Amino acid sequence: MECPECKSTRTSKNGHKRGKQNYLCRNCGRQFVDRPTTNRGYNDQLKRECLKMYVNGMGLRAIERVKGVHHTTIITWLKGVGELLPDAYTPEQIPDVGELDELETFIGSKKTKSGCGQR
């Protein structure tokens, strides 16, 4: 067994890590596994499918049920895609006229302080 750091062959076994034999280099003290798995995570096709489902109006937990990907993972993917988007559009000219829909608010006090008119 050869250390990936110093290329020394003076190594010893040092327990198991995620089901694989863990080694310790006696020269530099680095811990390592023999053949680490580098292909972890979800493939790009599944990520694209989940993002398309979200853009088309499907909820995060519904995507989780269909695809088997945790909803917080999908949120992380959405944040990553959002960072790639350009900043908000800034118009060159501000319009003179704006349109506002009706807005209704309640001003005053209610007759009762608790439910059904009872104290």
N, C-alpha and C. Protein backbone atom coordinates (compact mmCIF):
# COMPACT_ATOMS: atom_id res chain seq x y z
N MET A 1 0.85 -1.17 0.00
CA MET A 1 0.00 0.00 0.00
C MET A 1 0.90 1.24 0.00
N GLU A 2 0.56 2.21 -0.84
CA GLU A 2 1.38 3.42 -0.98
C GLU A 2 0.58 4.64 -0.53
N CYS A 3 1.22 5.50 0.25
CA CYS A 3 0.56 6.71 0.74
C CYS A 3 0.37 7.70 -0.42
N PRO A 4 -0.82 8.28 -0.59
CA PRO A 4 -1.02 9.23 -1.68
C PRO A 4 -0.32 10.57 -1.43
N GLU A 5 0.08 10.85 -0.20
CA GLU A 5 0.73 12.12 0.13
C GLU A 5 2.23 12.07 -0.10
N CYS A 6 2.90 11.14 0.59
CA CYS A 6 4.37 11.10 0.51
C CYS A 6 4.90 9.92 -0.29
N LYS A 7 4.03 9.07 -0.80
CA LYS A 7 4.39 7.90 -1.63
C LYS A 7 5.21 6.86 -0.86
N SER A 8 5.10 6.88 0.46
CA SER A 8 5.81 5.91 1.28
C SER A 8 5.03 4.60 1.30
N THR A 9 5.76 3.49 1.48
CA THR A 9 5.11 2.18 1.59
C THR A 9 5.00 1.74 3.04
N ARG A 10 5.43 2.56 3.97
CA ARG A 10 5.33 2.24 5.40
C ARG A 10 3.95 2.63 5.90
N THR A 11 2.99 1.74 5.73
CA THR A 11 1.61 2.00 6.14
C THR A 11 1.14 0.88 7.04
N SER A 12 0.12 1.18 7.82
CA SER A 12 -0.49 0.15 8.67
C SER A 12 -2.00 0.30 8.62
N LYS A 13 -2.68 -0.79 8.90
CA LYS A 13 -4.14 -0.75 8.91
C LYS A 13 -4.62 0.10 10.09
N ASN A 14 -5.73 0.82 9.86
CA ASN A 14 -6.21 1.74 10.89
C ASN A 14 -7.74 1.73 10.93
N GLY A 15 -8.31 0.55 11.06
CA GLY A 15 -9.76 0.44 11.18
C GLY A 15 -10.46 0.47 9.83
N HIS A 16 -11.77 0.67 9.89
CA HIS A 16 -12.59 0.74 8.69
C HIS A 16 -13.32 2.06 8.63
N LYS A 17 -13.55 2.54 7.42
CA LYS A 17 -14.27 3.79 7.21
C LYS A 17 -15.25 3.56 6.08
N ARG A 18 -16.55 3.67 6.38
CA ARG A 18 -17.61 3.44 5.40
C ARG A 18 -17.47 2.10 4.70
N GLY A 19 -17.13 1.09 5.48
CA GLY A 19 -17.05 -0.26 4.94
C GLY A 19 -15.76 -0.58 4.23
N LYS A 20 -14.83 0.34 4.16
CA LYS A 20 -13.54 0.09 3.50
C LYS A 20 -12.42 0.15 4.51
N GLN A 21 -11.34 -0.57 4.21
CA GLN A 21 -10.18 -0.58 5.09
C GLN A 21 -9.50 0.78 5.09
N ASN A 22 -9.26 1.32 6.27
CA ASN A 22 -8.59 2.59 6.44
C ASN A 22 -7.12 2.33 6.77
N TYR A 23 -6.22 3.12 6.18
CA TYR A 23 -4.79 2.94 6.40
C TYR A 23 -4.20 4.22 6.99
N LEU A 24 -3.06 4.05 7.67
CA LEU A 24 -2.33 5.17 8.28
C LEU A 24 -0.88 5.12 7.81
N CYS A 25 -0.40 6.24 7.29
CA CYS A 25 0.99 6.32 6.85
C CYS A 25 1.87 6.58 8.08
N ARG A 26 2.93 5.78 8.22
CA ARG A 26 3.82 5.95 9.38
C ARG A 26 4.79 7.11 9.20
N ASN A 27 5.02 7.54 7.97
CA ASN A 27 5.94 8.66 7.73
C ASN A 27 5.27 10.00 7.97
N CYS A 28 4.15 10.26 7.26
CA CYS A 28 3.54 11.59 7.35
C CYS A 28 2.30 11.62 8.24
N GLY A 29 1.76 10.45 8.63
CA GLY A 29 0.61 10.42 9.53
C GLY A 29 -0.73 10.58 8.85
N ARG A 30 -0.75 10.56 7.53
CA ARG A 30 -2.02 10.74 6.81
C ARG A 30 -2.84 9.45 6.84
N GLN A 31 -4.18 9.63 7.00
CA GLN A 31 -5.09 8.50 6.91
C GLN A 31 -5.70 8.48 5.52
N PHE A 32 -5.89 7.28 4.96
CA PHE A 32 -6.47 7.17 3.63
C PHE A 32 -7.09 5.79 3.46
N VAL A 33 -7.93 5.66 2.45
CA VAL A 33 -8.49 4.35 2.08
C VAL A 33 -7.85 3.92 0.77
N ASP A 34 -7.89 2.63 0.51
CA ASP A 34 -7.20 2.07 -0.65
C ASP A 34 -7.73 2.62 -1.96
N ARG A 35 -9.00 2.42 -2.25
CA ARG A 35 -9.61 2.92 -3.48
C ARG A 35 -10.86 3.71 -3.10
N PRO A 36 -10.73 5.02 -2.87
CA PRO A 36 -11.92 5.80 -2.48
C PRO A 36 -12.91 5.90 -3.63
N THR A 37 -14.19 5.90 -3.28
CA THR A 37 -15.23 6.04 -4.30
C THR A 37 -15.40 7.52 -4.60
N THR A 38 -15.22 7.89 -5.85
CA THR A 38 -15.33 9.30 -6.23
C THR A 38 -16.67 9.61 -6.85
N ASN A 39 -17.42 8.60 -7.27
CA ASN A 39 -18.68 8.82 -7.95
C ASN A 39 -19.83 8.78 -6.95
N ARG A 40 -19.91 9.79 -6.11
CA ARG A 40 -20.98 9.86 -5.13
C ARG A 40 -21.95 10.96 -5.54
N GLY A 41 -23.18 10.86 -5.10
CA GLY A 41 -24.16 11.89 -5.41
C GLY A 41 -25.08 11.45 -6.53
N TYR A 42 -25.91 12.38 -6.98
CA TYR A 42 -26.90 12.12 -8.01
C TYR A 42 -26.36 12.52 -9.37
N ASN A 43 -26.82 11.82 -10.42
CA ASN A 43 -26.34 12.16 -11.76
C ASN A 43 -27.05 13.41 -12.27
N ASP A 44 -26.48 14.01 -13.30
CA ASP A 44 -27.00 15.27 -13.83
C ASP A 44 -28.38 15.13 -14.45
N GLN A 45 -28.67 13.97 -15.03
CA GLN A 45 -29.99 13.75 -15.64
C GLN A 45 -31.09 13.82 -14.59
N LEU A 46 -30.88 13.19 -13.43
CA LEU A 46 -31.87 13.23 -12.36
C LEU A 46 -32.03 14.65 -11.83
N LYS A 47 -30.93 15.39 -11.71
CA LYS A 47 -31.01 16.78 -11.26
C LYS A 47 -31.85 17.61 -12.22
N ARG A 48 -31.61 17.45 -13.52
CA ARG A 48 -32.38 18.21 -14.52
C ARG A 48 -33.86 17.86 -14.45
N GLU A 49 -34.18 16.57 -14.29
CA GLU A 49 -35.58 16.16 -14.20
C GLU A 49 -36.26 16.78 -12.99
N CYS A 50 -35.59 16.76 -11.85
CA CYS A 50 -36.18 17.35 -10.64
C CYS A 50 -36.39 18.86 -10.80
N LEU A 51 -35.42 19.55 -11.38
CA LEU A 51 -35.55 20.99 -11.58
C LEU A 51 -36.65 21.31 -12.58
N LYS A 52 -36.80 20.49 -13.63
CA LYS A 52 -37.89 20.70 -14.58
C LYS A 52 -39.24 20.51 -13.91
N MET A 53 -39.34 19.50 -13.05
CA MET A 53 -40.59 19.26 -12.34
C MET A 53 -40.94 20.45 -11.45
N TYR A 54 -39.93 21.03 -10.81
CA TYR A 54 -40.18 22.18 -9.93
C TYR A 54 -40.62 23.40 -10.75
N VAL A 55 -39.95 23.63 -11.88
CA VAL A 55 -40.29 24.78 -12.73
C VAL A 55 -41.70 24.63 -13.29
N ASN A 56 -42.13 23.40 -13.54
CA ASN A 56 -43.46 23.16 -14.08
C ASN A 56 -44.54 23.13 -13.02
N GLY A 57 -44.21 23.48 -11.78
CA GLY A 57 -45.22 23.67 -10.75
C GLY A 57 -45.37 22.55 -9.74
N MET A 58 -44.56 21.55 -9.80
CA MET A 58 -44.67 20.46 -8.84
C MET A 58 -43.99 20.86 -7.54
N GLY A 59 -44.55 20.50 -6.42
CA GLY A 59 -43.99 20.86 -5.12
C GLY A 59 -42.75 20.06 -4.78
N LEU A 60 -41.97 20.58 -3.84
CA LEU A 60 -40.71 19.93 -3.48
C LEU A 60 -40.94 18.56 -2.85
N ARG A 61 -41.93 18.45 -1.99
CA ARG A 61 -42.18 17.15 -1.35
C ARG A 61 -42.80 16.15 -2.31
N ALA A 62 -43.55 16.65 -3.30
CA ALA A 62 -44.09 15.75 -4.33
C ALA A 62 -42.95 15.19 -5.18
N ILE A 63 -41.98 16.02 -5.51
CA ILE A 63 -40.81 15.55 -6.26
C ILE A 63 -40.04 14.54 -5.42
N GLU A 64 -39.97 14.79 -4.12
CA GLU A 64 -39.30 13.85 -3.22
C GLU A 64 -39.97 12.49 -3.25
N ARG A 65 -41.29 12.48 -3.24
CA ARG A 65 -42.02 11.20 -3.28
C ARG A 65 -41.83 10.48 -4.61
N VAL A 66 -41.82 11.22 -5.71
CA VAL A 66 -41.73 10.60 -7.03
C VAL A 66 -40.32 10.13 -7.34
N LYS A 67 -39.33 10.96 -7.10
CA LYS A 67 -37.95 10.67 -7.50
C LYS A 67 -37.10 10.05 -6.39
N GLY A 68 -37.53 10.16 -5.14
CA GLY A 68 -36.74 9.60 -4.05
C GLY A 68 -35.55 10.45 -3.65
N VAL A 69 -35.59 11.75 -3.97
CA VAL A 69 -34.52 12.68 -3.61
C VAL A 69 -35.06 13.58 -2.50
N HIS A 70 -34.31 13.75 -1.42
CA HIS A 70 -34.79 14.55 -0.30
C HIS A 70 -35.03 16.00 -0.73
N HIS A 71 -36.08 16.61 -0.16
CA HIS A 71 -36.46 17.96 -0.60
C HIS A 71 -35.39 19.01 -0.30
N THR A 72 -34.62 18.84 0.76
CA THR A 72 -33.56 19.83 1.02
C THR A 72 -32.44 19.73 -0.01
N THR A 73 -32.24 18.54 -0.58
CA THR A 73 -31.26 18.40 -1.65
C THR A 73 -31.73 19.17 -2.88
N ILE A 74 -33.02 19.09 -3.18
CA ILE A 74 -33.57 19.82 -4.32
C ILE A 74 -33.45 21.32 -4.09
N ILE A 75 -33.69 21.77 -2.86
CA ILE A 75 -33.55 23.19 -2.53
C ILE A 75 -32.10 23.64 -2.76
N THR A 76 -31.14 22.82 -2.39
CA THR A 76 -29.73 23.15 -2.61
C THR A 76 -29.44 23.27 -4.10
N TRP A 77 -30.01 22.37 -4.91
CA TRP A 77 -29.83 22.46 -6.36
C TRP A 77 -30.45 23.74 -6.90
N LEU A 78 -31.63 24.11 -6.38
CA LEU A 78 -32.29 25.34 -6.83
C LEU A 78 -31.44 26.56 -6.50
N LYS A 79 -30.86 26.59 -5.31
CA LYS A 79 -30.01 27.72 -4.93
C LYS A 79 -28.80 27.81 -5.84
N GLY A 80 -28.22 26.66 -6.19
CA GLY A 80 -27.07 26.65 -7.08
C GLY A 80 -27.41 27.18 -8.46
N VAL A 81 -28.58 26.81 -8.99
CA VAL A 81 -29.01 27.31 -10.30
C VAL A 81 -29.33 28.80 -10.20
N GLY A 82 -29.92 29.22 -9.08
CA GLY A 82 -30.25 30.63 -8.90
C GLY A 82 -29.03 31.53 -8.87
N GLU A 83 -27.92 31.02 -8.35
CA GLU A 83 -26.69 31.82 -8.32
C GLU A 83 -26.11 32.02 -9.72
N LEU A 84 -26.44 31.12 -10.64
CA LEU A 84 -25.94 31.24 -12.01
C LEU A 84 -26.73 32.26 -12.82
N LEU A 85 -27.92 32.61 -12.36
CA LEU A 85 -28.75 33.57 -13.08
C LEU A 85 -28.18 34.98 -12.95
N PRO A 86 -28.43 35.84 -13.94
CA PRO A 86 -27.95 37.22 -13.83
C PRO A 86 -28.73 38.00 -12.77
N ASP A 87 -28.18 39.13 -12.37
CA ASP A 87 -28.86 39.97 -11.39
C ASP A 87 -30.16 40.51 -11.96
N ALA A 88 -30.97 41.11 -11.09
CA ALA A 88 -32.29 41.62 -11.48
C ALA A 88 -32.17 42.69 -12.57
N TYR A 89 -33.17 42.76 -13.39
CA TYR A 89 -33.23 43.70 -14.50
C TYR A 89 -33.41 45.11 -13.96
N THR A 90 -32.60 46.06 -14.40
CA THR A 90 -32.75 47.46 -14.02
C THR A 90 -33.13 48.24 -15.27
N PRO A 91 -34.34 48.81 -15.30
CA PRO A 91 -34.76 49.53 -16.50
C PRO A 91 -33.99 50.83 -16.68
N GLU A 92 -33.82 51.23 -17.96
CA GLU A 92 -33.12 52.48 -18.23
C GLU A 92 -33.99 53.68 -17.91
N GLN A 93 -35.31 53.50 -18.07
CA GLN A 93 -36.22 54.62 -17.85
C GLN A 93 -37.31 54.19 -16.89
N ILE A 94 -37.57 55.00 -15.88
CA ILE A 94 -38.62 54.70 -14.90
C ILE A 94 -39.94 55.21 -15.46
N PRO A 95 -40.99 54.38 -15.48
CA PRO A 95 -42.27 54.81 -16.06
C PRO A 95 -42.91 55.93 -15.23
N ASP A 96 -43.68 56.81 -15.92
CA ASP A 96 -44.35 57.92 -15.25
C ASP A 96 -45.64 57.49 -14.57
N VAL A 97 -46.33 56.50 -15.12
CA VAL A 97 -47.62 56.07 -14.61
C VAL A 97 -47.49 54.65 -14.07
N GLY A 98 -48.04 54.40 -12.89
CA GLY A 98 -48.06 53.06 -12.31
C GLY A 98 -49.49 52.62 -12.08
N GLU A 99 -49.70 51.33 -12.01
CA GLU A 99 -51.04 50.80 -11.80
C GLU A 99 -51.05 50.03 -10.49
N LEU A 100 -52.11 50.23 -9.69
CA LEU A 100 -52.21 49.57 -8.41
C LEU A 100 -53.59 48.96 -8.29
N ASP A 101 -53.65 47.71 -7.91
CA ASP A 101 -54.94 47.06 -7.71
C ASP A 101 -55.56 47.56 -6.41
N GLU A 102 -56.84 47.20 -6.22
CA GLU A 102 -57.54 47.65 -5.01
C GLU A 102 -56.91 47.04 -3.78
N LEU A 103 -56.88 47.82 -2.73
CA LEU A 103 -56.31 47.37 -1.48
C LEU A 103 -57.31 47.70 -0.38
N GLU A 104 -57.67 46.73 0.40
CA GLU A 104 -58.68 46.94 1.45
C GLU A 104 -58.07 46.56 2.79
N THR A 105 -58.20 47.43 3.77
CA THR A 105 -57.68 47.14 5.10
C THR A 105 -58.77 47.39 6.13
N PHE A 106 -58.60 46.84 7.31
CA PHE A 106 -59.54 47.04 8.40
C PHE A 106 -58.94 48.06 9.35
N ILE A 107 -59.68 49.13 9.59
CA ILE A 107 -59.23 50.15 10.53
C ILE A 107 -60.29 50.27 11.61
N GLY A 108 -59.88 50.23 12.84
CA GLY A 108 -60.82 50.31 13.95
C GLY A 108 -60.58 49.17 14.91
N SER A 109 -61.55 48.94 15.80
CA SER A 109 -61.40 47.87 16.77
C SER A 109 -62.61 46.94 16.68
N LYS A 110 -62.38 45.72 17.04
CA LYS A 110 -63.47 44.74 17.03
C LYS A 110 -64.29 44.94 18.30
N LYS A 111 -65.57 44.49 18.24
CA LYS A 111 -66.46 44.68 19.39
C LYS A 111 -66.10 43.74 20.52
N THR A 112 -65.63 42.54 20.22
CA THR A 112 -65.29 41.57 21.26
C THR A 112 -63.81 41.29 21.25
N LYS A 113 -63.29 41.00 22.42
CA LYS A 113 -61.87 40.71 22.54
C LYS A 113 -61.56 39.22 22.39
N SER A 114 -62.57 38.36 22.56
CA SER A 114 -62.34 36.92 22.44
C SER A 114 -63.40 36.32 21.52
N GLY A 115 -63.27 35.05 21.23
CA GLY A 115 -64.12 34.39 20.26
C GLY A 115 -65.59 34.29 20.67
N CYS A 116 -66.48 34.34 19.70
CA CYS A 116 -67.94 34.17 19.84
C CYS A 116 -68.59 35.21 20.73
N GLY A 117 -67.96 36.29 21.01
CA GLY A 117 -68.57 37.35 21.81
C GLY A 117 -68.57 37.08 23.30
N GLN A 118 -67.99 35.99 23.75
CA GLN A 118 -67.96 35.62 25.16
C GLN A 118 -66.58 35.90 25.73
N ARG A 119 -66.56 36.13 27.03
CA ARG A 119 -65.28 36.31 27.72
C ARG A 119 -64.86 35.04 28.39
